[in-house]
Amino acid sequence: MEPNNPLPAWDDELSVCVDVIDEDHQAFFRLAALMQDVTSNLDNEQAYLIETALNILEEYIEGHFLREQMAMAKVGYPQMVEHISAHDAFADHVTLLVKEYRTNHDLVTILTLAQLVADWLTHHIQGIDSQYKGFLTNENVDNRPLAYMAAGLDTELAP
């Protein structure tokens, strides 16, 4: 297995000035770090931790992209089609790597996936997400938990 390369990390300069989207982005960076970390954890829990991280990553991709796309549609964001294409290409790449790992259980695939998530997200935020600053705001972005959004639920968490 290759040595762990340092992953890009969240930095306030990556903020898109929408609290819930920034929180989602930070979670992606934490997931990438977790995936990298569990590859060095050679105990009986490793496979479980990796599978859990992959499941969370898949759910986060679906939910976060849905959050952004719903907000873009709501405000009539002019670059929405290009933005969705970038999301779809990334989701497809992640899906292929997850499938590859689930087939061969090669830890290098997890390291590759962790690096992809952190690198892609950094470049995506800086190059594409930064373009919606001013269009998307705290007021027009759905801030419900991702699970509610992905399930199409209109309810909030119960008190």
Protein backbone atom coordinates (compact mmCIF):
# COMPACT_ATOMS: atom_id res chain seq x y z
CA MET A 1 0.00 0.00 0.00
CA GLU A 2 1.19 3.51 -0.77
CA PRO A 3 2.03 5.87 2.10
CA ASN A 4 -0.68 8.29 3.11
CA ASN A 5 -0.29 11.59 1.32
CA PRO A 6 -1.47 14.66 3.18
CA LEU A 7 -5.02 15.47 2.14
CA PRO A 8 -6.26 18.96 1.46
CA ALA A 9 -8.24 20.14 4.48
CA TRP A 10 -11.09 22.56 5.03
CA ASP A 11 -9.97 26.15 5.12
CA ASP A 12 -12.15 29.22 5.70
CA GLU A 13 -11.10 30.44 2.25
CA LEU A 14 -13.27 27.60 0.87
CA SER A 15 -16.40 29.09 2.42
CA VAL A 16 -19.25 29.77 0.00
CA CYS A 17 -20.91 31.96 2.66
CA VAL A 18 -23.83 29.56 3.14
CA ASP A 19 -23.58 27.94 6.55
CA VAL A 20 -25.22 24.60 5.79
CA ILE A 21 -23.29 24.13 2.53
CA ASP A 22 -20.03 24.96 4.29
CA GLU A 23 -20.94 22.38 6.96
CA ASP A 24 -21.60 19.78 4.25
CA HIS A 25 -18.27 20.55 2.60
CA GLN A 26 -16.44 20.24 5.94
CA ALA A 27 -18.07 16.84 6.46
CA PHE A 28 -16.69 15.65 3.10
CA PHE A 29 -13.18 16.62 4.19
CA ARG A 30 -13.68 14.76 7.49
CA LEU A 31 -14.89 11.69 5.58
CA ALA A 32 -11.82 11.76 3.34
CA ALA A 33 -9.58 11.96 6.41
CA LEU A 34 -11.49 9.11 8.05
CA MET A 35 -11.09 6.91 4.97
CA GLN A 36 -7.37 7.60 4.92
CA ASP A 37 -7.09 6.99 8.67
CA VAL A 38 -8.90 3.64 8.70
CA THR A 39 -6.55 2.18 6.08
CA SER A 40 -3.82 2.21 8.72
CA ASN A 41 -6.08 0.69 11.39
CA LEU A 42 -5.29 -2.99 10.88
CA ASP A 43 -7.73 -4.54 13.33
CA ASN A 44 -10.96 -6.49 13.14
CA GLU A 45 -13.00 -3.30 12.84
CA GLN A 46 -11.26 -2.00 9.71
CA ALA A 47 -13.64 -3.49 7.13
CA TYR A 48 -16.65 -2.29 9.13
CA LEU A 49 -15.25 1.24 9.46
CA ILE A 50 -14.43 1.42 5.76
CA GLU A 51 -17.89 0.20 4.75
CA THR A 52 -19.49 2.70 7.13
CA ALA A 53 -17.42 5.54 5.68
CA LEU A 54 -18.34 4.49 2.14
CA ASN A 55 -22.05 4.38 3.00
CA ILE A 56 -21.88 7.83 4.58
CA LEU A 57 -19.96 9.18 1.58
CA GLU A 58 -22.58 7.84 -0.84
CA GLU A 59 -25.39 9.36 1.22
CA TYR A 60 -23.57 12.68 1.56
CA ILE A 61 -22.98 12.91 -2.17
CA GLU A 62 -26.65 12.32 -2.88
CA GLY A 63 -27.94 14.63 -0.16
CA HIS A 64 -25.46 17.47 -0.54
CA PHE A 65 -25.78 17.61 -4.31
CA LEU A 66 -29.55 17.57 -3.93
CA ARG A 67 -29.31 20.48 -1.45
CA GLU A 68 -27.24 22.58 -3.83
CA GLN A 69 -29.32 21.69 -6.89
CA MET A 70 -32.63 22.45 -5.17
CA ALA A 71 -31.29 25.86 -4.14
CA MET A 72 -29.95 26.57 -7.63
CA ALA A 73 -33.33 25.69 -9.15
CA LYS A 74 -35.12 27.85 -6.59
CA VAL A 75 -33.09 30.96 -7.48
CA GLY A 76 -32.80 30.25 -11.22
CA TYR A 77 -29.03 29.88 -11.07
CA PRO A 78 -27.73 30.43 -14.63
CA GLN A 79 -24.89 27.84 -14.51
CA MET A 80 -27.04 25.08 -13.01
CA VAL A 81 -26.69 22.62 -15.93
CA GLU A 82 -22.89 22.81 -15.89
CA HIS A 83 -22.86 22.49 -12.11
CA ILE A 84 -25.04 19.38 -12.19
CA SER A 85 -22.79 17.86 -14.87
CA ALA A 86 -19.79 18.32 -12.58
CA HIS A 87 -21.70 16.71 -9.71
CA ASP A 88 -22.76 13.78 -11.88
CA ALA A 89 -19.23 13.14 -13.15
CA PHE A 90 -17.84 13.14 -9.61
CA ALA A 91 -20.63 10.87 -8.32
CA ASP A 92 -19.97 8.44 -11.17
CA HIS A 93 -16.24 8.38 -10.41
CA VAL A 94 -16.88 7.75 -6.72
CA THR A 95 -19.38 4.99 -7.58
CA LEU A 96 -16.76 3.24 -9.72
CA LEU A 97 -14.14 3.39 -6.97
CA VAL A 98 -16.59 2.17 -4.32
CA LYS A 99 -17.59 -0.72 -6.56
CA GLU A 100 -13.91 -1.50 -7.19
CA TYR A 101 -13.20 -1.56 -3.44
CA ARG A 102 -16.23 -3.73 -2.72
CA THR A 103 -14.98 -6.17 -5.36
CA ASN A 104 -11.29 -6.37 -4.46
CA HIS A 105 -11.05 -4.93 -0.90
CA ASP A 106 -7.79 -3.24 -1.85
CA LEU A 107 -6.92 -0.50 0.64
CA VAL A 108 -5.14 1.46 -2.08
CA THR A 109 -8.59 2.03 -3.60
CA ILE A 110 -9.74 3.64 -0.34
CA LEU A 111 -6.66 5.86 -0.27
CA THR A 112 -7.34 6.82 -3.88
CA LEU A 113 -10.96 7.59 -3.01
CA ALA A 114 -9.98 9.70 0.01
CA GLN A 115 -7.55 11.70 -2.13
CA LEU A 116 -10.14 12.10 -4.89
CA VAL A 117 -12.79 13.41 -2.48
CA ALA A 118 -10.50 15.97 -0.86
CA ASP A 119 -8.85 17.10 -4.11
CA TRP A 120 -12.05 17.23 -6.17
CA LEU A 121 -13.94 19.08 -3.46
CA THR A 122 -11.19 21.67 -3.07
CA HIS A 123 -11.10 22.36 -6.81
CA HIS A 124 -14.89 22.20 -7.17
CA ILE A 125 -15.47 24.72 -4.38
CA GLN A 126 -12.79 27.08 -5.64
CA GLY A 127 -13.75 26.87 -9.31
CA ILE A 128 -17.45 26.09 -9.51
CA ASP A 129 -19.19 26.53 -6.16
CA SER A 130 -17.58 29.94 -5.68
CA GLN A 131 -19.55 31.12 -8.73
CA TYR A 132 -22.86 30.80 -6.88
CA LYS A 133 -21.80 33.13 -4.08
CA GLY A 134 -24.45 35.81 -3.90
CA PHE A 135 -27.02 33.60 -5.64
CA LEU A 136 -27.28 31.05 -2.85
CA THR A 137 -27.70 32.40 0.67
CA ASN A 138 -28.56 31.09 4.13
CA GLU A 139 -32.14 32.18 3.46
CA ASN A 140 -32.71 30.27 0.20
CA VAL A 141 -30.86 27.00 0.91
CA ASP A 142 -32.72 24.17 2.62
CA ASN A 143 -30.95 23.52 5.92
CA ARG A 144 -32.74 20.31 6.90
CA PRO A 145 -30.65 17.21 7.60
CA LEU A 146 -29.57 15.53 4.37
CA ALA A 147 -31.53 12.37 5.17
CA TYR A 148 -34.80 14.34 5.21
CA MET A 149 -33.98 15.99 1.90
CA ALA A 150 -32.96 12.75 0.17
CA ALA A 151 -36.14 11.05 1.40
CA GLY A 152 -38.26 13.97 0.17
CA LEU A 153 -39.66 14.55 3.66
CA ASP A 154 -41.16 17.93 4.47
CA THR A 155 -40.86 17.53 8.22
CA GLU A 156 -38.26 18.83 10.62
CA LEU A 157 -36.64 16.84 13.39
CA ALA A 158 -39.00 16.36 16.29
CA PRO A 159 -38.10 18.34 19.43
